[in-house]
Amino acid sequence: MTETIQLFTTAGCHLCEQAEAMFEYLVKNDKDVSSRLTMLPVEIAGDEALVERYGVRIPVLAKSDQELGWPFELEELKDWLLK
């Protein structure tokens, strides 16, 4: 069974694109990540509550009751994803 990781993002966010690319790299190159996790991009622009919560913090990844906000490096992302 896989867990879905949410990526709070918006169009034109280059940092969000970097975060998504890092996740995709891990999915392609790490069997633990690819077998356990999928990503669901969440566009914040159409939701005032999400803009208020994440507007200046994106990209933010979320799972269960945990969040990982930018900046983060590849190893930090991997560690967070697999805990």
C-alpha atoms as a PDB file:
ATOM      1  CA  MET A   1       0.000   0.000   0.000  1.00  0.00           C
ATOM      2  CA  THR A   2       1.364   3.415  -0.912  1.00  0.00           C
ATOM      3  CA  GLU A   3       1.101   6.654   1.009  1.00  0.00           C
ATOM      4  CA  THR A   4       0.257   9.873  -0.810  1.00  0.00           C
ATOM      5  CA  ILE A   5       2.483  12.869  -0.214  1.00  0.00           C
ATOM      6  CA  GLN A   6       0.874  16.228  -0.956  1.00  0.00           C
ATOM      7  CA  LEU A   7       2.930  18.959  -2.607  1.00  0.00           C
ATOM      8  CA  PHE A   8       1.413  22.368  -1.979  1.00  0.00           C
ATOM      9  CA  THR A   9       2.323  24.392  -5.053  1.00  0.00           C
ATOM     10  CA  THR A  10       1.193  26.987  -7.554  1.00  0.00           C
ATOM     11  CA  ALA A  11       1.807  27.634 -11.249  1.00  0.00           C
ATOM     12  CA  GLY A  12       5.123  29.250 -12.072  1.00  0.00           C
ATOM     13  CA  CYS A  13       6.789  28.363  -8.757  1.00  0.00           C
ATOM     14  CA  HIS A  14      10.340  27.340  -9.694  1.00  0.00           C
ATOM     15  CA  LEU A  15      11.085  26.118  -6.154  1.00  0.00           C
ATOM     16  CA  CYS A  16       8.012  23.885  -6.362  1.00  0.00           C
ATOM     17  CA  GLU A  17       9.339  22.483  -9.624  1.00  0.00           C
ATOM     18  CA  GLN A  18      12.659  21.742  -7.902  1.00  0.00           C
ATOM     19  CA  ALA A  19      10.914  19.982  -5.014  1.00  0.00           C
ATOM     20  CA  GLU A  20       8.854  17.886  -7.430  1.00  0.00           C
ATOM     21  CA  ALA A  21      11.968  17.005  -9.438  1.00  0.00           C
ATOM     22  CA  MET A  22      13.733  15.892  -6.260  1.00  0.00           C
ATOM     23  CA  PHE A  23      10.788  13.639  -5.364  1.00  0.00           C
ATOM     24  CA  GLU A  24      10.683  12.204  -8.888  1.00  0.00           C
ATOM     25  CA  TYR A  25      14.440  11.551  -8.752  1.00  0.00           C
ATOM     26  CA  LEU A  26      13.978   9.572  -5.533  1.00  0.00           C
ATOM     27  CA  VAL A  27      11.069   7.606  -7.012  1.00  0.00           C
ATOM     28  CA  LYS A  28      13.225   6.634  -9.999  1.00  0.00           C
ATOM     29  CA  ASN A  29      16.356   5.853  -7.995  1.00  0.00           C
ATOM     30  CA  ASP A  30      15.240   4.529  -4.603  1.00  0.00           C
ATOM     31  CA  LYS A  31      13.105   1.402  -4.328  1.00  0.00           C
ATOM     32  CA  ASP A  32      12.002   2.253  -0.775  1.00  0.00           C
ATOM     33  CA  VAL A  33      10.563   5.563  -1.956  1.00  0.00           C
ATOM     34  CA  SER A  34       9.038   4.222  -5.178  1.00  0.00           C
ATOM     35  CA  SER A  35       7.352   1.274  -3.490  1.00  0.00           C
ATOM     36  CA  ARG A  36       5.866   3.282  -0.616  1.00  0.00           C
ATOM     37  CA  LEU A  37       5.028   6.775  -1.863  1.00  0.00           C
ATOM     38  CA  THR A  38       3.192   8.747  -4.521  1.00  0.00           C
ATOM     39  CA  MET A  39       2.870  12.520  -4.897  1.00  0.00           C
ATOM     40  CA  LEU A  40      -0.266  14.577  -5.307  1.00  0.00           C
ATOM     41  CA  PRO A  41       0.320  18.218  -6.314  1.00  0.00           C
ATOM     42  CA  VAL A  42      -2.169  20.539  -4.598  1.00  0.00           C
ATOM     43  CA  GLU A  43      -2.716  23.887  -6.360  1.00  0.00           C
ATOM     44  CA  ILE A  44      -3.194  26.526  -3.666  1.00  0.00           C
ATOM     45  CA  ALA A  45      -4.250  29.443  -5.885  1.00  0.00           C
ATOM     46  CA  GLY A  46      -7.946  28.583  -5.943  1.00  0.00           C
ATOM     47  CA  ASP A  47      -8.329  28.162  -2.194  1.00  0.00           C
ATOM     48  CA  GLU A  48      -8.055  31.204   0.089  1.00  0.00           C
ATOM     49  CA  ALA A  49      -7.332  29.080   3.156  1.00  0.00           C
ATOM     50  CA  LEU A  50      -4.458  27.307   1.400  1.00  0.00           C
ATOM     51  CA  VAL A  51      -3.058  30.611   0.099  1.00  0.00           C
ATOM     52  CA  GLU A  52      -3.170  32.024   3.609  1.00  0.00           C
ATOM     53  CA  ARG A  53      -1.496  28.941   5.098  1.00  0.00           C
ATOM     54  CA  TYR A  54       1.098  28.191   2.397  1.00  0.00           C
ATOM     55  CA  GLY A  55       1.326  31.256   0.152  1.00  0.00           C
ATOM     56  CA  VAL A  56       4.743  32.443   1.316  1.00  0.00           C
ATOM     57  CA  ARG A  57       5.987  28.989   2.356  1.00  0.00           C
ATOM     58  CA  ILE A  58       5.629  26.894  -0.805  1.00  0.00           C
ATOM     59  CA  PRO A  59       6.786  24.388  -1.702  1.00  0.00           C
ATOM     60  CA  VAL A  60       5.547  22.410   1.284  1.00  0.00           C
ATOM     61  CA  LEU A  61       5.254  18.641   1.355  1.00  0.00           C
ATOM     62  CA  ALA A  62       2.746  17.034   3.711  1.00  0.00           C
ATOM     63  CA  LYS A  63       2.012  13.532   4.932  1.00  0.00           C
ATOM     64  CA  SER A  64      -0.218  12.491   7.815  1.00  0.00           C
ATOM     65  CA  ASP A  65       0.294  15.274  10.355  1.00  0.00           C
ATOM     66  CA  GLN A  66       3.821  16.210   9.239  1.00  0.00           C
ATOM     67  CA  GLU A  67       5.051  18.940   6.908  1.00  0.00           C
ATOM     68  CA  LEU A  68       8.391  19.623   5.296  1.00  0.00           C
ATOM     69  CA  GLY A  69       8.869  23.167   4.060  1.00  0.00           C
ATOM     70  CA  TRP A  70      11.452  24.562   1.693  1.00  0.00           C
ATOM     71  CA  PRO A  71      14.435  24.750   1.790  1.00  0.00           C
ATOM     72  CA  PHE A  72      15.494  21.106   1.951  1.00  0.00           C
ATOM     73  CA  GLU A  73      18.185  19.004   0.331  1.00  0.00           C
ATOM     74  CA  LEU A  74      17.745  15.621  -1.335  1.00  0.00           C
ATOM     75  CA  GLU A  75      18.958  13.605   1.673  1.00  0.00           C
ATOM     76  CA  GLU A  76      16.749  15.572   4.056  1.00  0.00           C
ATOM     77  CA  LEU A  77      13.774  14.922   1.772  1.00  0.00           C
ATOM     78  CA  LYS A  78      14.553  11.199   1.585  1.00  0.00           C
ATOM     79  CA  ASP A  79      14.911  10.929   5.372  1.00  0.00           C
ATOM     80  CA  TRP A  80      11.610  12.770   5.901  1.00  0.00           C
ATOM     81  CA  LEU A  81       9.781  10.655   3.340  1.00  0.00           C
ATOM     82  CA  LEU A  82      10.910   7.377   4.872  1.00  0.00           C
ATOM     83  CA  LYS A  83      10.324   8.113   8.548  1.00  0.00           C
END
